[in-house]
Amino acid sequence: MTKRAFIFPGQGSQYPGMGKDLADNFPVARHLFEEADDALGSKLSTLCFDGPEEQLKLTANTQPAILTASIAALRVLQAETGVAADYLAGHSLGEYSALVAAGSISFADAVRTVRARGTFMQEAVPVGVGAMAAILGVEPDMLAEICAEASQGEEVSPANFNSPGQIVIAGHTGAVNRAIEIAKARGFRKAMLLPVSAPFHSSLMVPAGERLAGVLEPIIVNDLCAPVVTNVEAKPNSDKSRVKELLVRQVSAPVLWDAAVREMVALGVTEFVEIGPGKVLSGLVKRIDKGVVAKNVEDAAGMKTIGG
């Protein structure tokens, strides 16, 4: 028996036009976009289908837009193929898509929550004060040393462990820039700032997590129909009483994506299906384990590649 995981993308995968092919061809996707518009009281669907890109890139818009495009693809996949997953996971924001897929949080609650999450993450640190950078080819232990040397009283730490040799750091802009220079001086030439507006998954995001806890408090969390392998622990969680706490911690804790994929492989997963815009995660999965199958579904053509 093939074990399958559904994985859901995070911020950075957005593009104008995402989800339009599905909404044009499948009523279930069109209805999902309408549900998002109703839940937010604004035309998120128009932003996804037509942009403009500058508006789509704003964190408070990006998060609900990617969630909606991802769940639209999921609904079509379920309706057209009946394919199910043994495990679910998502990168940062994508963990909310995974929880919707697990039946743990309603779509309407999730889309409203991630709009607030995006706003809180943006407001936690004034624009320009924080930054993120990718440092390629460096081992985690060496990167911890580089961050310690670069901090000089400021915050900088690993934020995303994406795949072997691809780690993202986040923190104060000065400290992140110093880390880039130190990494380059040590021979790690591929160190570059990322085009993001805040230092996600660093301790500077703790205030955002505290505000998020207030939004999550009244939301009903249901039993999970499949375990979600979380960013914070890289372990499967089926305990609905832990969902909110893990989501709050996730905002300021590193994303352990590399370890999460390895955990799913260890649990017997041989097929990963990335559901939603882009192919970032399927690319990472192939780098983490060349022996597994990784596919992506974001449009009608992608649906045809998934068998029952």
Protein backbone atom coordinates (compact mmCIF):
# COMPACT_ATOMS: atom_id res chain seq x y z
CA MET A 1 0.00 0.00 0.00
CA THR A 2 1.35 3.38 -1.02
CA LYS A 3 1.32 5.85 1.84
CA ARG A 4 0.61 9.36 0.67
CA ALA A 5 1.10 12.80 2.18
CA PHE A 6 -0.64 15.98 1.10
CA ILE A 7 1.63 19.00 1.58
CA PHE A 8 0.62 22.66 1.31
CA PRO A 9 2.75 25.67 0.28
CA GLY A 10 3.49 28.77 2.30
CA GLN A 11 4.28 32.40 1.56
CA GLY A 12 6.31 33.05 -1.57
CA SER A 13 4.32 30.66 -3.78
CA GLN A 14 1.69 33.24 -4.76
CA TYR A 15 1.22 34.59 -8.27
CA PRO A 16 -1.56 36.52 -10.05
CA GLY A 17 -3.82 34.00 -11.81
CA MET A 18 -3.52 31.25 -9.19
CA GLY A 19 -6.69 29.20 -8.82
CA LYS A 20 -8.39 30.80 -11.86
CA ASP A 21 -8.14 27.69 -14.05
CA LEU A 22 -9.78 25.62 -11.30
CA ALA A 23 -12.52 28.19 -10.61
CA ASP A 24 -13.29 28.41 -14.37
CA ASN A 25 -13.52 24.63 -14.75
CA PHE A 26 -14.88 23.28 -11.46
CA PRO A 27 -17.91 24.61 -9.55
CA VAL A 28 -16.50 23.27 -6.26
CA ALA A 29 -13.46 25.56 -6.66
CA ARG A 30 -15.58 28.54 -7.72
CA HIS A 31 -17.78 28.10 -4.63
CA LEU A 32 -14.70 27.93 -2.40
CA PHE A 33 -13.44 31.29 -3.70
CA GLU A 34 -16.93 32.74 -3.14
CA GLU A 35 -16.82 31.41 0.42
CA ALA A 36 -13.49 33.18 0.98
CA ASP A 37 -14.91 36.47 -0.35
CA ASP A 38 -17.90 36.13 2.01
CA ALA A 39 -15.73 35.23 5.02
CA LEU A 40 -13.41 38.22 4.51
CA GLY A 41 -15.98 40.70 3.19
CA SER A 42 -13.69 41.53 0.26
CA LYS A 43 -12.94 40.20 -3.24
CA LEU A 44 -10.01 37.91 -2.46
CA SER A 45 -10.94 35.93 -5.58
CA THR A 46 -10.24 38.95 -7.83
CA LEU A 47 -6.86 39.46 -6.14
CA CYS A 48 -5.91 35.79 -6.74
CA PHE A 49 -7.10 35.73 -10.36
CA ASP A 50 -6.02 39.19 -11.56
CA GLY A 51 -3.60 40.67 -9.00
CA PRO A 52 -2.11 43.26 -8.96
CA GLU A 53 1.05 41.52 -7.77
CA GLU A 54 1.96 44.38 -5.38
CA GLN A 55 -1.32 43.87 -3.50
CA LEU A 56 -1.00 40.10 -3.59
CA LYS A 57 2.49 40.33 -2.04
CA LEU A 58 1.23 42.12 1.09
CA THR A 59 1.40 39.56 3.89
CA ALA A 60 -2.18 40.17 5.08
CA ASN A 61 -3.38 39.34 1.54
CA THR A 62 -0.84 36.67 0.64
CA GLN A 63 -1.73 34.35 3.50
CA PRO A 64 -5.51 34.06 2.88
CA ALA A 65 -4.90 34.01 -0.90
CA ILE A 66 -2.53 31.02 -0.81
CA LEU A 67 -4.76 29.20 1.70
CA THR A 68 -7.80 29.69 -0.57
CA ALA A 69 -6.00 28.63 -3.76
CA SER A 70 -4.67 25.56 -1.94
CA ILE A 71 -8.02 24.46 -0.51
CA ALA A 72 -9.72 25.07 -3.88
CA ALA A 73 -7.22 22.64 -5.43
CA LEU A 74 -7.79 20.18 -2.59
CA ARG A 75 -11.59 20.28 -3.02
CA VAL A 76 -11.27 19.61 -6.75
CA LEU A 77 -8.78 16.79 -6.16
CA GLN A 78 -11.12 15.17 -3.63
CA ALA A 79 -14.18 15.57 -5.88
CA GLU A 80 -12.47 14.37 -9.06
CA THR A 81 -10.28 11.53 -7.76
CA GLY A 82 -11.38 10.61 -4.24
CA VAL A 83 -7.68 10.40 -3.32
CA ALA A 84 -6.96 10.69 0.41
CA ALA A 85 -3.80 11.22 2.47
CA ASP A 86 -2.27 9.27 5.35
CA TYR A 87 -0.41 12.37 6.58
CA LEU A 88 -0.77 16.11 6.09
CA ALA A 89 1.74 18.93 6.43
CA GLY A 90 2.24 22.51 5.31
CA HIS A 91 5.11 25.00 5.27
CA SER A 92 4.38 27.80 7.77
CA LEU A 93 1.08 29.26 6.54
CA GLY A 94 0.51 25.92 4.76
CA GLU A 95 -0.06 24.24 8.13
CA TYR A 96 -3.46 26.00 8.21
CA SER A 97 -4.31 24.42 4.83
CA ALA A 98 -3.26 21.04 6.29
CA LEU A 99 -5.56 21.56 9.29
CA VAL A 100 -8.48 22.45 6.99
CA ALA A 101 -7.70 19.30 4.98
CA ALA A 102 -7.75 17.32 8.25
CA GLY A 103 -11.22 18.67 9.02
CA SER A 104 -9.82 20.21 12.20
CA ILE A 105 -10.57 23.88 11.42
CA SER A 106 -13.32 25.14 9.11
CA PHE A 107 -12.20 26.90 5.94
CA ALA A 108 -13.99 30.14 6.87
CA ASP A 109 -12.31 30.22 10.31
CA ALA A 110 -8.93 29.45 8.76
CA VAL A 111 -9.12 32.17 6.09
CA ARG A 112 -10.11 34.81 8.65
CA THR A 113 -7.39 33.63 11.06
CA VAL A 114 -4.59 33.80 8.49
CA ARG A 115 -5.68 37.27 7.39
CA ALA A 116 -5.23 38.32 11.07
CA ARG A 117 -1.99 36.28 11.31
CA GLY A 118 -0.54 38.08 8.29
CA THR A 119 -1.51 41.46 9.74
CA PHE A 120 -0.03 40.64 13.17
CA MET A 121 3.23 39.33 11.68
CA GLN A 122 3.60 42.49 9.60
CA GLU A 123 2.80 44.79 12.52
CA ALA A 124 5.11 42.98 14.99
CA VAL A 125 8.19 44.58 13.42
CA PRO A 126 8.23 47.90 11.51
CA VAL A 127 9.15 47.55 7.82
CA GLY A 128 12.93 47.72 7.42
CA VAL A 129 13.72 46.70 11.01
CA GLY A 130 13.70 42.96 10.30
CA ALA A 131 14.91 40.78 7.42
CA MET A 132 15.37 37.19 6.26
CA ALA A 133 18.18 35.64 4.24
CA ALA A 134 18.89 32.27 2.65
CA ILE A 135 22.30 30.76 3.40
CA LEU A 136 23.03 27.84 1.08
CA GLY A 137 25.42 24.95 1.62
CA VAL A 138 26.01 25.52 5.33
CA GLU A 139 25.53 22.92 8.08
CA PRO A 140 23.15 23.78 10.95
CA ASP A 141 25.95 23.79 13.58
CA MET A 142 28.08 26.18 11.54
CA LEU A 143 25.08 28.43 10.91
CA ALA A 144 24.34 28.61 14.64
CA GLU A 145 27.94 29.82 15.14
CA ILE A 146 27.56 32.43 12.37
CA CYS A 147 24.31 33.72 13.91
CA ALA A 148 25.89 33.93 17.38
CA GLU A 149 28.81 35.93 15.98
CA ALA A 150 26.51 38.21 13.95
CA SER A 151 24.00 39.00 16.71
CA GLN A 152 26.01 41.68 18.61
CA GLY A 153 23.06 42.30 20.93
CA GLU A 154 20.47 41.92 18.16
CA GLU A 155 18.38 38.90 17.17
CA VAL A 156 19.30 36.57 14.31
CA SER A 157 18.57 32.83 14.19
CA PRO A 158 17.64 29.98 11.82
CA ALA A 159 14.01 30.38 10.74
CA ASN A 160 13.44 27.69 8.08
CA PHE A 161 15.28 24.38 7.79
CA ASN A 162 14.02 23.73 4.26
CA SER A 163 16.27 20.99 2.88
CA PRO A 164 19.88 19.84 3.21
CA GLY A 165 22.01 22.90 2.52
CA GLN A 166 19.10 25.34 2.38
CA ILE A 167 18.50 27.19 5.64
CA VAL A 168 16.85 30.59 6.04
CA ILE A 169 17.73 32.97 8.88
CA ALA A 170 15.66 35.81 10.30
CA GLY A 171 16.07 38.69 12.75
CA HIS A 172 17.07 42.33 12.94
CA THR A 173 18.21 43.69 9.56
CA GLY A 174 21.70 44.63 10.83
CA ALA A 175 22.31 41.21 12.34
CA VAL A 176 21.03 39.41 9.23
CA ASN A 177 23.35 41.49 7.01
CA ARG A 178 26.30 40.75 9.33
CA ALA A 179 25.49 37.02 9.13
CA ILE A 180 25.54 37.21 5.32
CA GLU A 181 28.98 38.86 5.40
CA ILE A 182 30.37 36.35 7.91
CA ALA A 183 28.99 33.42 5.88
CA LYS A 184 30.59 34.78 2.70
CA ALA A 185 33.90 35.32 4.51
CA ARG A 186 33.78 31.64 5.53
CA GLY A 187 33.33 30.58 1.91
CA PHE A 188 29.53 30.30 1.73
CA ARG A 189 29.08 32.49 -1.33
CA LYS A 190 25.37 31.80 -1.77
CA ALA A 191 23.99 33.99 0.99
CA MET A 192 21.29 36.48 0.01
CA LEU A 193 18.52 38.62 1.46
CA LEU A 194 14.98 37.43 0.68
CA PRO A 195 12.24 39.76 -0.62
CA VAL A 196 10.05 39.50 2.49
CA SER A 197 8.62 42.28 4.62
CA ALA A 198 9.21 40.86 8.11
CA PRO A 199 11.50 38.43 10.01
CA PHE A 200 9.11 35.48 10.16
CA HIS A 201 9.78 32.56 12.52
CA SER A 202 12.14 34.50 14.78
CA SER A 203 11.75 35.64 18.39
CA LEU A 204 10.77 39.08 17.02
CA MET A 205 7.43 37.45 16.11
CA VAL A 206 6.49 36.52 19.71
CA PRO A 207 4.09 39.54 20.00
CA ALA A 208 2.33 38.38 16.81
CA GLY A 209 1.88 34.93 18.35
CA GLU A 210 0.36 36.44 21.48
CA ARG A 211 -2.17 38.39 19.39
CA LEU A 212 -2.88 35.30 17.28
CA ALA A 213 -3.72 33.33 20.44
CA GLY A 214 -6.59 35.75 21.07
CA VAL A 215 -8.00 35.18 17.57
CA LEU A 216 -7.68 31.40 17.86
CA GLU A 217 -9.29 31.23 21.31
CA PRO A 218 -12.98 31.15 20.24
CA ILE A 219 -12.41 28.92 17.19
CA ILE A 220 -13.78 25.38 17.34
CA VAL A 221 -11.15 22.70 16.67
CA ASN A 222 -12.49 19.32 15.58
CA ASP A 223 -10.88 15.87 15.60
CA LEU A 224 -8.27 15.40 12.87
CA CYS A 225 -9.12 12.82 10.19
CA ALA A 226 -5.37 12.40 9.48
CA PRO A 227 -2.33 13.43 11.53
CA VAL A 228 -0.70 16.80 10.73
CA VAL A 229 3.10 16.73 10.90
CA THR A 230 3.77 20.09 12.52
CA ASN A 231 6.40 22.73 11.72
CA VAL A 232 7.31 23.19 15.38
CA GLU A 233 8.01 19.55 16.28
CA ALA A 234 8.28 17.73 12.93
CA LYS A 235 6.11 15.01 14.49
CA PRO A 236 2.56 13.92 13.64
CA ASN A 237 -0.13 15.49 15.81
CA SER A 238 -3.62 14.00 16.11
CA ASP A 239 -4.51 15.70 19.41
CA LYS A 240 -6.99 18.51 18.72
CA SER A 241 -6.29 20.04 22.15
CA ARG A 242 -2.73 20.87 21.00
CA VAL A 243 -3.60 22.50 17.66
CA LYS A 244 -3.92 26.11 18.87
CA GLU A 245 -0.81 26.00 21.06
CA LEU A 246 1.27 24.63 18.17
CA LEU A 247 -0.05 27.33 15.81
CA VAL A 248 0.85 30.07 18.29
CA ARG A 249 4.37 28.69 18.80
CA GLN A 250 4.82 28.26 15.04
CA VAL A 251 4.84 32.04 14.41
CA SER A 252 8.13 32.56 16.27
CA ALA A 253 9.68 29.06 16.09
CA PRO A 254 11.76 27.72 13.18
CA VAL A 255 9.99 25.72 10.46
CA LEU A 256 11.46 22.20 10.63
CA TRP A 257 10.47 21.27 7.08
CA ASP A 258 13.48 19.05 6.33
CA ALA A 259 12.86 17.02 9.51
CA ALA A 260 9.08 16.89 8.88
CA VAL A 261 9.58 15.34 5.43
CA ARG A 262 12.12 12.85 6.83
CA GLU A 263 9.61 11.93 9.55
CA MET A 264 6.91 11.21 6.98
CA VAL A 265 9.33 9.08 4.94
CA ALA A 266 10.23 7.18 8.12
CA LEU A 267 6.49 6.61 8.67
CA GLY A 268 6.30 4.97 5.25
CA VAL A 269 5.23 7.82 2.97
CA THR A 270 6.41 7.23 -0.61
CA GLU A 271 4.26 9.80 -2.45
CA PHE A 272 4.05 13.50 -1.68
CA VAL A 273 1.37 15.59 -3.38
CA GLU A 274 1.88 19.36 -3.15
CA ILE A 275 -1.55 21.00 -3.33
CA GLY A 276 -1.73 24.69 -4.16
CA PRO A 277 0.26 27.29 -6.09
CA GLY A 278 3.82 26.59 -7.21
CA LYS A 279 6.24 23.69 -6.92
CA VAL A 280 8.50 24.89 -4.11
CA LEU A 281 7.72 22.05 -1.69
CA SER A 282 7.87 19.24 -4.25
CA GLY A 283 11.30 20.56 -5.21
CA LEU A 284 12.41 20.51 -1.56
CA VAL A 285 11.02 16.99 -1.05
CA LYS A 286 13.07 15.69 -3.99
CA ARG A 287 16.20 17.27 -2.49
CA ILE A 288 15.48 15.74 0.92
CA ASP A 289 14.79 12.19 -0.38
CA LYS A 290 15.38 11.22 -3.99
CA GLY A 291 13.58 7.91 -3.49
CA VAL A 292 10.06 9.30 -3.11
CA VAL A 293 7.57 10.53 -5.68
CA ALA A 294 6.66 14.23 -5.51
CA LYS A 295 3.84 15.73 -7.58
CA ASN A 296 2.04 19.04 -7.55
CA VAL A 297 -1.58 19.95 -8.20
CA GLU A 298 -2.52 23.57 -8.87
CA ASP A 299 -4.64 23.39 -12.05
CA ALA A 300 -6.81 21.08 -14.12
CA ALA A 301 -3.79 19.54 -15.90
CA GLY A 302 -2.21 18.65 -12.54
CA MET A 303 -5.33 16.76 -11.47
CA LYS A 304 -4.76 14.23 -14.26
CA THR A 305 -1.38 13.19 -12.78
CA ILE A 306 -2.94 11.92 -9.54
CA GLY A 307 -4.25 8.38 -9.51
CA GLY A 308 -6.57 6.72 -7.02
